[in-house]
Amino acid sequence: PASASPAASVSSSVPAFIGSKVPWEDMYFINRYNALEIKLTKRGIDDHAFRLWCAWAREALPRLDAAFEARGGTVAPGRRNMATRPLVLCLSDNALGRVSMEALTTLLTEELCGVSIVMLQLWRNRLG
């Protein structure tokens, strides 16, 4: 039997105008160091689009073993403190600003837990 598309499980998190294919669903891979690498460089992502990405990531990172869902700020019983897979997040050459950084901080510190970021690339955005 054909497996369900990973985008199908997150389609409720993004507005209907995006359709059934989440634009960043094919922008990640597991690299040779077993890290989840998400490459969103030069994608024209602004603050609004990044908030949509955060909604996708909130569901996708736990599914991809790069985070746990936060439940009251603690790791669920029986879980280790860190997720199995480290995260490489490449966001350079976009139009990310303060709103995006607040959304990323909230995602990684309040909405998810156990995230281990080994590389975060943010140069050439609207952060300065």
Protein backbone atom coordinates (compact mmCIF):
# COMPACT_ATOMS: atom_id res chain seq x y z
CA PRO A 1 0.00 0.00 0.00
CA ALA A 2 1.12 3.53 -0.70
CA SER A 3 2.23 5.51 2.31
CA ALA A 4 0.49 8.75 3.22
CA SER A 5 2.18 11.97 2.25
CA PRO A 6 3.96 13.68 5.18
CA ALA A 7 2.30 16.92 4.09
CA ALA A 8 -1.14 15.41 4.68
CA SER A 9 -0.58 15.26 8.42
CA VAL A 10 0.18 18.97 8.65
CA SER A 11 -2.30 20.33 6.13
CA SER A 12 -4.60 21.50 8.92
CA SER A 13 -1.81 23.71 10.31
CA VAL A 14 -1.48 25.87 7.23
CA PRO A 15 -4.01 28.01 5.36
CA ALA A 16 -5.99 26.41 2.55
CA PHE A 17 -4.41 28.66 -0.10
CA ILE A 18 -1.19 26.68 0.19
CA GLY A 19 -3.04 23.53 -0.85
CA SER A 20 -2.15 19.97 0.02
CA LYS A 21 1.58 20.36 -0.69
CA VAL A 22 3.45 22.22 2.04
CA PRO A 23 6.14 24.25 0.21
CA TRP A 24 8.95 23.28 2.59
CA GLU A 25 8.05 19.61 2.95
CA ASP A 26 10.80 18.65 0.47
CA MET A 27 13.39 21.04 1.92
CA TYR A 28 14.78 18.67 4.55
CA PHE A 29 16.95 15.55 4.64
CA ILE A 30 18.96 13.45 7.07
CA ASN A 31 22.63 14.30 6.54
CA ARG A 32 25.63 11.98 6.91
CA TYR A 33 25.90 12.88 10.63
CA ASN A 34 22.30 11.73 11.23
CA ALA A 35 21.16 15.33 11.75
CA LEU A 36 17.90 16.67 10.36
CA GLU A 37 18.99 19.38 7.94
CA ILE A 38 16.36 21.91 6.88
CA LYS A 39 17.50 24.07 3.96
CA LEU A 40 15.31 27.15 3.51
CA THR A 41 18.05 29.39 2.09
CA LYS A 42 17.02 31.87 -0.66
CA ARG A 43 13.32 30.96 -0.51
CA GLY A 44 11.92 34.50 -0.18
CA ILE A 45 10.53 33.69 3.27
CA ASP A 46 9.17 36.70 5.15
CA ASP A 47 7.75 36.95 8.69
CA HIS A 48 4.29 35.74 7.62
CA ALA A 49 5.62 32.71 5.72
CA PHE A 50 7.98 31.88 8.59
CA ARG A 51 5.07 31.72 11.04
CA LEU A 52 3.50 29.15 8.70
CA TRP A 53 6.79 27.25 8.70
CA CYS A 54 6.77 27.26 12.52
CA ALA A 55 3.26 25.71 12.47
CA TRP A 56 4.59 22.97 10.18
CA ALA A 57 7.73 22.48 12.31
CA ARG A 58 5.67 22.20 15.51
CA GLU A 59 4.26 18.93 14.12
CA ALA A 60 7.10 17.83 11.84
CA LEU A 61 10.12 18.08 14.18
CA PRO A 62 8.72 15.56 16.71
CA ARG A 63 7.69 13.26 13.83
CA LEU A 64 11.26 13.48 12.45
CA ASP A 65 12.83 12.75 15.87
CA ALA A 66 14.34 16.25 16.22
CA ALA A 67 12.12 17.40 19.13
CA PHE A 68 9.45 16.42 21.62
CA GLU A 69 6.11 18.12 22.01
CA ALA A 70 6.23 20.31 25.10
CA ARG A 71 3.67 19.38 27.71
CA GLY A 72 3.66 21.95 30.46
CA GLY A 73 7.33 22.74 29.87
CA THR A 74 8.54 19.25 30.78
CA VAL A 75 9.62 16.20 28.84
CA ALA A 76 7.04 13.41 28.85
CA PRO A 77 7.77 10.56 31.31
CA GLY A 78 10.13 7.96 29.88
CA ARG A 79 11.72 10.39 27.41
CA ARG A 80 15.33 11.51 27.37
CA ASN A 81 16.04 15.22 27.73
CA MET A 82 17.23 15.59 24.13
CA ALA A 83 15.64 14.34 20.91
CA THR A 84 17.38 11.59 18.97
CA ARG A 85 18.26 13.70 15.94
CA PRO A 86 20.19 17.02 16.07
CA LEU A 87 18.92 19.92 13.93
CA VAL A 88 20.68 22.00 11.27
CA LEU A 89 18.53 24.98 10.28
CA CYS A 90 19.59 27.07 7.26
CA LEU A 91 17.51 30.26 6.94
CA SER A 92 19.95 32.64 5.23
CA ASP A 93 19.11 34.99 2.35
CA ASN A 94 15.45 35.52 3.22
CA ALA A 95 13.42 38.42 4.60
CA LEU A 96 13.19 37.27 8.23
CA GLY A 97 12.82 39.96 10.86
CA ARG A 98 12.07 40.38 14.56
CA VAL A 99 8.68 38.64 14.30
CA SER A 100 10.33 35.55 12.80
CA MET A 101 12.96 35.41 15.54
CA GLU A 102 10.28 35.69 18.23
CA ALA A 103 8.35 32.86 16.55
CA LEU A 104 11.49 30.69 16.33
CA THR A 105 12.37 31.36 19.97
CA THR A 106 8.85 30.48 21.10
CA LEU A 107 8.84 27.32 18.99
CA LEU A 108 12.18 26.06 20.33
CA THR A 109 11.77 27.07 23.98
CA GLU A 110 8.05 26.79 24.75
CA GLU A 111 6.20 24.77 22.11
CA LEU A 112 8.83 22.05 21.65
CA CYS A 113 11.49 20.62 23.93
CA GLY A 114 14.59 18.47 23.54
CA VAL A 115 15.78 20.31 20.42
CA SER A 116 19.54 20.21 19.84
CA ILE A 117 20.53 22.81 17.25
CA VAL A 118 24.02 22.14 15.97
CA MET A 119 23.91 24.88 13.32
CA LEU A 120 21.65 27.89 12.78
CA GLN A 121 22.32 30.06 9.73
CA LEU A 122 20.58 33.45 9.69
CA TRP A 123 22.83 35.80 7.73
CA ARG A 124 21.42 38.13 5.06
CA ASN A 125 17.97 38.61 6.57
CA ARG A 126 16.31 41.69 8.08
CA LEU A 127 17.63 41.28 11.60
CA GLY A 128 19.78 44.38 11.99
